[in-house]
Amino acid sequence: MLDTKGGRIYLLLKETIGEWHLEDMVTTGAFGKDGKVSGGGSQAQVARVGKGIQLSGSASIAFGEVPLLAPDQGLAVEFWFLRRSGRGRGVLCTIGTDVEVVSESDGHVEAKVGTLRASSGQMRVPVDAWCYLQLMYSGRELKLILNRREVQVVQGKSDWARGGVFTVGGSGFTGIVDEVRLGLILPRDEVALAAEVSITVEGMTMPESGEVVIGFDSEGRLDPSVPQPFKFVIKSAADAKRITLGPGGTIQEIDRPMDKP
């Protein structure tokens, strides 16, 4: 995270706090956290990987309270789902009352975290087709990703009640869910720059907040939402450096000190 107005650079790390492969009705999970199926769920013998949980009507899986590790934490929800019915609105997941993802009858997906909203718009999830859902709120922006395609990014901060029970399914969803993962996005390792030091990002329109997220995937590659290569300049009265990050996440070039910064 580059805070060009506040003169800060810090990390936002996604830490997985729960993972469930749904190979049994006990919904045995990693980190000693099991889920609980309620409302009539059953075992799906064929799912995305191995077995899954079949839900319909009000059936859901509760995965417990989301821990509060930092006052400004974000979240990351990921799982596979397959819709069996295109009729009506189905709730895909919730966290408390402020986080919700739903599939509408026409197949498009709507998500909210507090006051922020994201939608897949014209991109629709067909019936009887697997979809990989990712919802990520960094504390600075909300991302809705379907089948690894970023369908909408909404900039902004949201007041939302952190914590609450993480639940998948319920209220109208009919289909199968598999491979559920819950993570928290937490700020780490802030570096405050001296007052005379400035950060300038090249090749993109700066948001009003002055905050720019340089995202990386799990393999260290640059997120497709940022310019590639990504270039920014850190400058003081005595020196200036232009740093270039390549699509693979490597530092391609660091300029020598400029004669006239």
C-alpha atoms as a PDB file:
ATOM      1  CA  MET A   1       0.000   0.000   0.000  1.00  0.00           C
ATOM      2  CA  LEU A   2       1.398   3.386  -1.068  1.00  0.00           C
ATOM      3  CA  ASP A   3      -0.152   6.274   0.848  1.00  0.00           C
ATOM      4  CA  THR A   4       0.989   9.199  -1.305  1.00  0.00           C
ATOM      5  CA  LYS A   5      -0.785  11.832   0.789  1.00  0.00           C
ATOM      6  CA  GLY A   6       0.114  10.511   4.217  1.00  0.00           C
ATOM      7  CA  GLY A   7       3.695   9.607   3.281  1.00  0.00           C
ATOM      8  CA  ARG A   8       3.429   5.960   4.336  1.00  0.00           C
ATOM      9  CA  ILE A   9       4.232   2.577   2.853  1.00  0.00           C
ATOM     10  CA  TYR A  10       2.899  -0.588   4.476  1.00  0.00           C
ATOM     11  CA  LEU A  11       1.791  -4.147   3.772  1.00  0.00           C
ATOM     12  CA  LEU A  12      -1.701  -5.610   3.699  1.00  0.00           C
ATOM     13  CA  LEU A  13      -1.444  -9.359   4.277  1.00  0.00           C
ATOM     14  CA  LYS A  14      -4.171 -11.932   3.702  1.00  0.00           C
ATOM     15  CA  GLU A  15      -4.047 -14.512   6.472  1.00  0.00           C
ATOM     16  CA  THR A  16      -6.167 -17.661   6.108  1.00  0.00           C
ATOM     17  CA  ILE A  17      -8.021 -18.355   9.358  1.00  0.00           C
ATOM     18  CA  GLY A  18     -10.390 -21.113   8.205  1.00  0.00           C
ATOM     19  CA  GLU A  19     -10.505 -23.760   5.486  1.00  0.00           C
ATOM     20  CA  TRP A  20     -13.087 -26.463   4.861  1.00  0.00           C
ATOM     21  CA  HIS A  21     -12.983 -29.096   2.095  1.00  0.00           C
ATOM     22  CA  LEU A  22     -16.525 -30.373   2.940  1.00  0.00           C
ATOM     23  CA  GLU A  23     -15.637 -34.053   2.501  1.00  0.00           C
ATOM     24  CA  ASP A  24     -17.984 -35.030   5.358  1.00  0.00           C
ATOM     25  CA  MET A  25     -21.174 -33.787   6.970  1.00  0.00           C
ATOM     26  CA  VAL A  26     -19.220 -32.830  10.089  1.00  0.00           C
ATOM     27  CA  THR A  27     -17.527 -30.267   7.799  1.00  0.00           C
ATOM     28  CA  THR A  28     -14.148 -30.937   9.385  1.00  0.00           C
ATOM     29  CA  GLY A  29     -11.940 -27.885   8.966  1.00  0.00           C
ATOM     30  CA  ALA A  30      -8.342 -26.775   9.297  1.00  0.00           C
ATOM     31  CA  PHE A  31      -7.040 -24.917  12.373  1.00  0.00           C
ATOM     32  CA  GLY A  32      -9.410 -26.959  14.561  1.00  0.00           C
ATOM     33  CA  LYS A  33     -12.473 -25.128  13.246  1.00  0.00           C
ATOM     34  CA  ASP A  34     -15.367 -27.311  12.084  1.00  0.00           C
ATOM     35  CA  GLY A  35     -18.585 -26.095  10.512  1.00  0.00           C
ATOM     36  CA  LYS A  36     -22.156 -27.027  11.308  1.00  0.00           C
ATOM     37  CA  VAL A  37     -24.784 -27.920   8.709  1.00  0.00           C
ATOM     38  CA  SER A  38     -28.362 -26.960   9.539  1.00  0.00           C
ATOM     39  CA  GLY A  39     -31.717 -26.892   7.793  1.00  0.00           C
ATOM     40  CA  GLY A  40     -31.460 -30.092   5.765  1.00  0.00           C
ATOM     41  CA  GLY A  41     -28.134 -30.060   3.937  1.00  0.00           C
ATOM     42  CA  SER A  42     -26.860 -33.364   2.530  1.00  0.00           C
ATOM     43  CA  GLN A  43     -23.657 -34.847   1.114  1.00  0.00           C
ATOM     44  CA  ALA A  44     -23.037 -34.296  -2.598  1.00  0.00           C
ATOM     45  CA  GLN A  45     -21.064 -37.313  -3.801  1.00  0.00           C
ATOM     46  CA  VAL A  46     -19.576 -35.446  -6.761  1.00  0.00           C
ATOM     47  CA  ALA A  47     -18.383 -31.877  -6.249  1.00  0.00           C
ATOM     48  CA  ARG A  48     -15.624 -29.609  -7.480  1.00  0.00           C
ATOM     49  CA  VAL A  49     -13.011 -31.670  -5.627  1.00  0.00           C
ATOM     50  CA  GLY A  50     -14.155 -34.942  -4.079  1.00  0.00           C
ATOM     51  CA  LYS A  51     -17.411 -34.436  -2.176  1.00  0.00           C
ATOM     52  CA  GLY A  52     -19.327 -31.291  -1.246  1.00  0.00           C
ATOM     53  CA  ILE A  53     -22.408 -30.133   0.656  1.00  0.00           C
ATOM     54  CA  GLN A  54     -25.770 -29.887  -1.066  1.00  0.00           C
ATOM     55  CA  LEU A  55     -28.010 -27.045   0.124  1.00  0.00           C
ATOM     56  CA  SER A  56     -31.535 -25.927  -0.668  1.00  0.00           C
ATOM     57  CA  GLY A  57     -34.170 -23.653   0.813  1.00  0.00           C
ATOM     58  CA  SER A  58     -32.985 -22.490   4.223  1.00  0.00           C
ATOM     59  CA  ALA A  59     -30.158 -25.039   4.549  1.00  0.00           C
ATOM     60  CA  SER A  60     -26.821 -23.491   5.442  1.00  0.00           C
ATOM     61  CA  ILE A  61     -23.373 -24.135   6.931  1.00  0.00           C
ATOM     62  CA  ALA A  62     -22.237 -22.026   9.885  1.00  0.00           C
ATOM     63  CA  PHE A  63     -18.456 -21.770  10.256  1.00  0.00           C
ATOM     64  CA  GLY A  64     -18.350 -19.867  13.527  1.00  0.00           C
ATOM     65  CA  GLU A  65     -17.484 -16.370  14.684  1.00  0.00           C
ATOM     66  CA  VAL A  66     -14.967 -14.363  12.695  1.00  0.00           C
ATOM     67  CA  PRO A  67     -12.212 -13.327  15.124  1.00  0.00           C
ATOM     68  CA  LEU A  68     -11.357  -9.666  15.619  1.00  0.00           C
ATOM     69  CA  LEU A  69      -7.573  -9.399  15.272  1.00  0.00           C
ATOM     70  CA  ALA A  70      -7.305  -5.707  14.325  1.00  0.00           C
ATOM     71  CA  PRO A  71      -9.746  -2.773  14.491  1.00  0.00           C
ATOM     72  CA  ASP A  72      -9.262  -2.024  10.772  1.00  0.00           C
ATOM     73  CA  GLN A  73      -9.130  -5.587   9.437  1.00  0.00           C
ATOM     74  CA  GLY A  74     -10.578  -6.543   6.072  1.00  0.00           C
ATOM     75  CA  LEU A  75     -11.762  -9.929   4.849  1.00  0.00           C
ATOM     76  CA  ALA A  76     -11.409 -12.522   2.102  1.00  0.00           C
ATOM     77  CA  VAL A  77     -14.097 -15.124   1.356  1.00  0.00           C
ATOM     78  CA  GLU A  78     -13.478 -17.818  -1.268  1.00  0.00           C
ATOM     79  CA  PHE A  79     -15.436 -20.913  -2.294  1.00  0.00           C
ATOM     80  CA  TRP A  80     -16.824 -22.880  -5.230  1.00  0.00           C
ATOM     81  CA  PHE A  81     -20.574 -23.071  -5.804  1.00  0.00           C
ATOM     82  CA  LEU A  82     -22.915 -24.618  -8.351  1.00  0.00           C
ATOM     83  CA  ARG A  83     -26.468 -23.336  -8.738  1.00  0.00           C
ATOM     84  CA  ARG A  84     -29.090 -26.025  -9.277  1.00  0.00           C
ATOM     85  CA  SER A  85     -31.976 -23.636  -9.733  1.00  0.00           C
ATOM     86  CA  GLY A  86     -32.235 -20.250 -11.415  1.00  0.00           C
ATOM     87  CA  ARG A  87     -35.469 -19.330  -9.719  1.00  0.00           C
ATOM     88  CA  GLY A  88     -35.420 -16.490  -7.252  1.00  0.00           C
ATOM     89  CA  ARG A  89     -32.746 -14.945  -5.132  1.00  0.00           C
ATOM     90  CA  GLY A  90     -30.293 -17.134  -3.224  1.00  0.00           C
ATOM     91  CA  VAL A  91     -27.956 -16.091  -0.424  1.00  0.00           C
ATOM     92  CA  LEU A  92     -24.469 -17.456  -1.075  1.00  0.00           C
ATOM     93  CA  CYS A  93     -22.841 -16.301   2.169  1.00  0.00           C
ATOM     94  CA  THR A  94     -23.066 -13.820   5.033  1.00  0.00           C
ATOM     95  CA  ILE A  95     -20.909 -12.555   7.895  1.00  0.00           C
ATOM     96  CA  GLY A  96     -23.123 -11.051  10.556  1.00  0.00           C
ATOM     97  CA  THR A  97     -25.542  -8.511   9.081  1.00  0.00           C
ATOM     98  CA  ASP A  98     -23.088  -6.275   7.207  1.00  0.00           C
ATOM     99  CA  VAL A  99     -21.531  -8.755   4.757  1.00  0.00           C
ATOM    100  CA  GLU A 100     -23.659 -10.564   2.183  1.00  0.00           C
ATOM    101  CA  VAL A 101     -23.242 -12.167  -1.247  1.00  0.00           C
ATOM    102  CA  VAL A 102     -26.311 -13.232  -3.234  1.00  0.00           C
ATOM    103  CA  SER A 103     -27.044 -14.765  -6.614  1.00  0.00           C
ATOM    104  CA  GLU A 104     -30.028 -13.237  -8.351  1.00  0.00           C
ATOM    105  CA  SER A 105     -32.504 -15.200 -10.480  1.00  0.00           C
ATOM    106  CA  ASP A 106     -30.853 -14.030 -13.718  1.00  0.00           C
ATOM    107  CA  GLY A 107     -27.482 -15.380 -12.548  1.00  0.00           C
ATOM    108  CA  HIS A 108     -25.665 -12.155 -11.695  1.00  0.00           C
ATOM    109  CA  VAL A 109     -24.009 -11.796  -8.280  1.00  0.00           C
ATOM    110  CA  GLU A 110     -24.375  -8.904  -5.822  1.00  0.00           C
ATOM    111  CA  ALA A 111     -22.090  -8.332  -2.835  1.00  0.00           C
ATOM    112  CA  LYS A 112     -21.929  -5.857   0.018  1.00  0.00           C
ATOM    113  CA  VAL A 113     -19.572  -5.057   2.875  1.00  0.00           C
ATOM    114  CA  GLY A 114     -21.220  -2.406   5.015  1.00  0.00           C
ATOM    115  CA  THR A 115     -22.017   0.535   2.733  1.00  0.00           C
ATOM    116  CA  LEU A 116     -19.909  -0.683  -0.222  1.00  0.00           C
ATOM    117  CA  ARG A 117     -21.604  -2.605  -3.034  1.00  0.00           C
ATOM    118  CA  ALA A 118     -20.159  -4.634  -5.916  1.00  0.00           C
ATOM    119  CA  SER A 119     -21.981  -6.417  -8.750  1.00  0.00           C
ATOM    120  CA  SER A 120     -21.110  -8.777 -11.571  1.00  0.00           C
ATOM    121  CA  GLY A 121     -23.454  -6.743 -13.789  1.00  0.00           C
ATOM    122  CA  GLN A 122     -23.872  -8.394 -17.177  1.00  0.00           C
ATOM    123  CA  MET A 123     -21.647 -11.317 -16.192  1.00  0.00           C
ATOM    124  CA  ARG A 124     -23.969 -14.112 -15.145  1.00  0.00           C
ATOM    125  CA  VAL A 125     -23.338 -17.491 -13.552  1.00  0.00           C
ATOM    126  CA  PRO A 126     -25.272 -20.180 -15.468  1.00  0.00           C
ATOM    127  CA  VAL A 127     -27.213 -22.974 -13.790  1.00  0.00           C
ATOM    128  CA  ASP A 128     -25.327 -26.283 -13.309  1.00  0.00           C
ATOM    129  CA  ALA A 129     -21.899 -24.704 -13.823  1.00  0.00           C
ATOM    130  CA  TRP A 130     -19.187 -24.350 -11.196  1.00  0.00           C
ATOM    131  CA  CYS A 131     -18.173 -20.842 -10.203  1.00  0.00           C
ATOM    132  CA  TYR A 132     -15.226 -19.812  -8.035  1.00  0.00           C
ATOM    133  CA  LEU A 133     -16.308 -16.867  -5.886  1.00  0.00           C
ATOM    134  CA  GLN A 134     -13.847 -14.477  -4.258  1.00  0.00           C
ATOM    135  CA  LEU A 135     -14.910 -11.467  -2.205  1.00  0.00           C
ATOM    136  CA  MET A 136     -12.122  -9.282  -0.844  1.00  0.00           C
ATOM    137  CA  TYR A 137     -12.319  -6.098   1.184  1.00  0.00           C
ATOM    138  CA  SER A 138      -8.920  -4.607   1.995  1.00  0.00           C
ATOM    139  CA  GLY A 139     -10.151  -1.718   4.115  1.00  0.00           C
ATOM    140  CA  ARG A 140      -9.555   0.511   1.066  1.00  0.00           C
ATOM    141  CA  GLU A 141     -11.469  -1.238  -1.723  1.00  0.00           C
ATOM    142  CA  LEU A 142     -14.000  -4.013  -2.352  1.00  0.00           C
ATOM    143  CA  LYS A 143     -13.323  -6.635  -5.044  1.00  0.00           C
ATOM    144  CA  LEU A 144     -15.774  -9.145  -6.490  1.00  0.00           C
ATOM    145  CA  ILE A 145     -14.035 -11.900  -8.483  1.00  0.00           C
ATOM    146  CA  LEU A 146     -15.806 -14.722 -10.341  1.00  0.00           C
ATOM    147  CA  ASN A 147     -13.858 -17.598 -11.899  1.00  0.00           C
ATOM    148  CA  ARG A 148     -10.671 -15.583 -11.303  1.00  0.00           C
ATOM    149  CA  ARG A 149     -12.030 -12.651 -13.323  1.00  0.00           C
ATOM    150  CA  GLU A 150     -12.273  -9.318 -11.510  1.00  0.00           C
ATOM    151  CA  VAL A 151     -15.828  -8.217 -12.300  1.00  0.00           C
ATOM    152  CA  GLN A 152     -15.914  -5.059 -10.178  1.00  0.00           C
ATOM    153  CA  VAL A 153     -13.619  -3.081  -7.894  1.00  0.00           C
ATOM    154  CA  VAL A 154     -15.171  -0.382  -5.714  1.00  0.00           C
ATOM    155  CA  GLN A 155     -12.836   2.118  -4.052  1.00  0.00           C
ATOM    156  CA  GLY A 156     -13.615   3.375  -0.574  1.00  0.00           C
ATOM    157  CA  LYS A 157     -13.722   2.618   3.118  1.00  0.00           C
ATOM    158  CA  SER A 158     -16.751   1.080   4.742  1.00  0.00           C
ATOM    159  CA  ASP A 159     -18.064   1.151   8.274  1.00  0.00           C
ATOM    160  CA  TRP A 160     -19.108  -2.420   8.989  1.00  0.00           C
ATOM    161  CA  ALA A 161     -19.548  -4.493  12.107  1.00  0.00           C
ATOM    162  CA  ARG A 162     -16.428  -6.657  12.166  1.00  0.00           C
ATOM    163  CA  GLY A 163     -16.869 -10.120  13.554  1.00  0.00           C
ATOM    164  CA  GLY A 164     -20.144 -12.038  13.333  1.00  0.00           C
ATOM    165  CA  VAL A 165     -20.817 -15.617  12.235  1.00  0.00           C
ATOM    166  CA  PHE A 166     -19.576 -16.700   8.809  1.00  0.00           C
ATOM    167  CA  THR A 167     -22.357 -18.656   7.051  1.00  0.00           C
ATOM    168  CA  VAL A 168     -22.560 -20.187   3.578  1.00  0.00           C
ATOM    169  CA  GLY A 169     -25.969 -20.802   1.989  1.00  0.00           C
ATOM    170  CA  GLY A 170     -29.404 -20.200   3.402  1.00  0.00           C
ATOM    171  CA  SER A 171     -32.445 -18.192   2.278  1.00  0.00           C
ATOM    172  CA  GLY A 172     -33.173 -19.516  -1.182  1.00  0.00           C
ATOM    173  CA  PHE A 173     -29.886 -20.935  -2.463  1.00  0.00           C
ATOM    174  CA  THR A 174     -30.207 -24.336  -4.156  1.00  0.00           C
ATOM    175  CA  GLY A 175     -27.005 -26.045  -5.200  1.00  0.00           C
ATOM    176  CA  ILE A 176     -23.643 -27.424  -4.063  1.00  0.00           C
ATOM    177  CA  VAL A 177     -20.793 -25.655  -2.272  1.00  0.00           C
ATOM    178  CA  ASP A 178     -17.206 -26.872  -1.976  1.00  0.00           C
ATOM    179  CA  GLU A 179     -13.705 -25.792  -0.895  1.00  0.00           C
ATOM    180  CA  VAL A 180     -14.539 -22.902   1.446  1.00  0.00           C
ATOM    181  CA  ARG A 181     -11.795 -20.570   2.677  1.00  0.00           C
ATOM    182  CA  LEU A 182     -11.986 -17.570   5.009  1.00  0.00           C
ATOM    183  CA  GLY A 183      -9.193 -15.055   5.477  1.00  0.00           C
ATOM    184  CA  LEU A 184      -8.544 -11.712   7.107  1.00  0.00           C
ATOM    185  CA  ILE A 185      -6.679  -8.829   5.484  1.00  0.00           C
ATOM    186  CA  LEU A 186      -4.515  -7.125   8.081  1.00  0.00           C
ATOM    187  CA  PRO A 187      -2.207  -4.083   7.936  1.00  0.00           C
ATOM    188  CA  ARG A 188       1.429  -4.820   8.799  1.00  0.00           C
ATOM    189  CA  ASP A 189       4.889  -3.224   8.941  1.00  0.00           C
ATOM    190  CA  GLU A 190       4.187   0.467   8.339  1.00  0.00           C
ATOM    191  CA  VAL A 191       7.069   2.707   7.267  1.00  0.00           C
ATOM    192  CA  ALA A 192       6.505   6.446   7.760  1.00  0.00           C
ATOM    193  CA  LEU A 193       8.510   8.583   5.342  1.00  0.00           C
ATOM    194  CA  ALA A 194      10.157  11.870   6.237  1.00  0.00           C
ATOM    195  CA  ALA A 195       8.081  14.995   5.599  1.00  0.00           C
ATOM    196  CA  GLU A 196      10.172  16.048   2.588  1.00  0.00           C
ATOM    197  CA  VAL A 197       9.850  12.656   0.841  1.00  0.00           C
ATOM    198  CA  SER A 198       7.144  12.216  -1.819  1.00  0.00           C
ATOM    199  CA  ILE A 199       5.731   9.208  -3.676  1.00  0.00           C
ATOM    200  CA  THR A 200       4.527   9.546  -7.264  1.00  0.00           C
ATOM    201  CA  VAL A 201       2.820   6.733  -9.189  1.00  0.00           C
ATOM    202  CA  GLU A 202       3.223   6.684 -12.966  1.00  0.00           C
ATOM    203  CA  GLY A 203       0.767   5.496 -15.609  1.00  0.00           C
ATOM    204  CA  MET A 204      -2.484   5.565 -13.644  1.00  0.00           C
ATOM    205  CA  THR A 205      -5.115   7.975 -12.372  1.00  0.00           C
ATOM    206  CA  MET A 206      -4.660   8.552  -8.666  1.00  0.00           C
ATOM    207  CA  PRO A 207      -7.710   7.966  -6.438  1.00  0.00           C
ATOM    208  CA  GLU A 208      -8.878  10.919  -4.346  1.00  0.00           C
ATOM    209  CA  SER A 209      -7.624   9.234  -1.174  1.00  0.00           C
ATOM    210  CA  GLY A 210      -4.081   9.152  -2.559  1.00  0.00           C
ATOM    211  CA  GLU A 211      -3.804   5.470  -1.570  1.00  0.00           C
ATOM    212  CA  VAL A 212      -2.651   2.927  -4.162  1.00  0.00           C
ATOM    213  CA  VAL A 213      -2.731  -0.845  -3.642  1.00  0.00           C
ATOM    214  CA  ILE A 214      -0.082  -2.913  -5.417  1.00  0.00           C
ATOM    215  CA  GLY A 215      -1.630  -6.368  -5.319  1.00  0.00           C
ATOM    216  CA  PHE A 216       0.126  -9.726  -5.694  1.00  0.00           C
ATOM    217  CA  ASP A 217      -1.399 -13.193  -6.078  1.00  0.00           C
ATOM    218  CA  SER A 218      -0.364 -16.257  -4.073  1.00  0.00           C
ATOM    219  CA  GLU A 219       2.480 -16.935  -6.507  1.00  0.00           C
ATOM    220  CA  GLY A 220       3.899 -13.411  -6.241  1.00  0.00           C
ATOM    221  CA  ARG A 221       2.654 -12.094  -9.584  1.00  0.00           C
ATOM    222  CA  LEU A 222       1.261  -8.591  -9.982  1.00  0.00           C
ATOM    223  CA  ASP A 223      -2.495  -8.291  -9.718  1.00  0.00           C
ATOM    224  CA  PRO A 224      -4.061  -7.533 -13.143  1.00  0.00           C
ATOM    225  CA  SER A 225      -5.883  -4.510 -11.677  1.00  0.00           C
ATOM    226  CA  VAL A 226      -2.653  -2.440 -11.576  1.00  0.00           C
ATOM    227  CA  PRO A 227      -0.613  -1.181 -14.568  1.00  0.00           C
ATOM    228  CA  GLN A 228       1.982  -3.683 -15.739  1.00  0.00           C
ATOM    229  CA  PRO A 229       4.798  -2.981 -15.319  1.00  0.00           C
ATOM    230  CA  PHE A 230       4.061  -0.853 -12.248  1.00  0.00           C
ATOM    231  CA  LYS A 231       6.262   2.216 -11.797  1.00  0.00           C
ATOM    232  CA  PHE A 232       6.551   4.640  -8.911  1.00  0.00           C
ATOM    233  CA  VAL A 233       9.072   7.256  -7.822  1.00  0.00           C
ATOM    234  CA  ILE A 234      10.252   8.014  -4.289  1.00  0.00           C
ATOM    235  CA  LYS A 235      11.868  11.444  -4.173  1.00  0.00           C
ATOM    236  CA  SER A 236      13.523  13.729  -1.634  1.00  0.00           C
ATOM    237  CA  ALA A 237      15.484  16.954  -2.005  1.00  0.00           C
ATOM    238  CA  ALA A 238      18.700  14.953  -2.279  1.00  0.00           C
ATOM    239  CA  ASP A 239      17.782  11.898  -4.335  1.00  0.00           C
ATOM    240  CA  ALA A 240      15.119  10.128  -6.355  1.00  0.00           C
ATOM    241  CA  LYS A 241      14.535   6.509  -7.288  1.00  0.00           C
ATOM    242  CA  ARG A 242      12.203   5.080  -9.900  1.00  0.00           C
ATOM    243  CA  ILE A 243      11.138   1.530  -9.022  1.00  0.00           C
ATOM    244  CA  THR A 244       9.676  -0.750 -11.681  1.00  0.00           C
ATOM    245  CA  LEU A 245       7.784  -3.940 -10.792  1.00  0.00           C
ATOM    246  CA  GLY A 246       7.330  -6.485 -13.579  1.00  0.00           C
ATOM    247  CA  PRO A 247       4.245  -8.686 -14.100  1.00  0.00           C
ATOM    248  CA  GLY A 248       6.039 -11.544 -12.375  1.00  0.00           C
ATOM    249  CA  GLY A 249       6.449  -9.447  -9.231  1.00  0.00           C
ATOM    250  CA  THR A 250      10.188  -8.918  -9.656  1.00  0.00           C
ATOM    251  CA  ILE A 251      11.955  -5.567  -9.420  1.00  0.00           C
ATOM    252  CA  GLN A 252      13.064  -5.001 -12.980  1.00  0.00           C
ATOM    253  CA  GLU A 253      14.927  -1.745 -12.525  1.00  0.00           C
ATOM    254  CA  ILE A 254      15.963   0.814  -9.921  1.00  0.00           C
ATOM    255  CA  ASP A 255      17.272   4.009 -11.492  1.00  0.00           C
ATOM    256  CA  ARG A 256      20.516   5.596 -10.390  1.00  0.00           C
ATOM    257  CA  PRO A 257      20.252   8.876  -8.459  1.00  0.00           C
ATOM    258  CA  MET A 258      18.882  11.641 -10.623  1.00  0.00           C
ATOM    259  CA  ASP A 259      21.068  14.710 -11.151  1.00  0.00           C
ATOM    260  CA  LYS A 260      18.099  17.011 -10.724  1.00  0.00           C
ATOM    261  CA  PRO A 261      15.420  15.271  -8.651  1.00  0.00           C
END
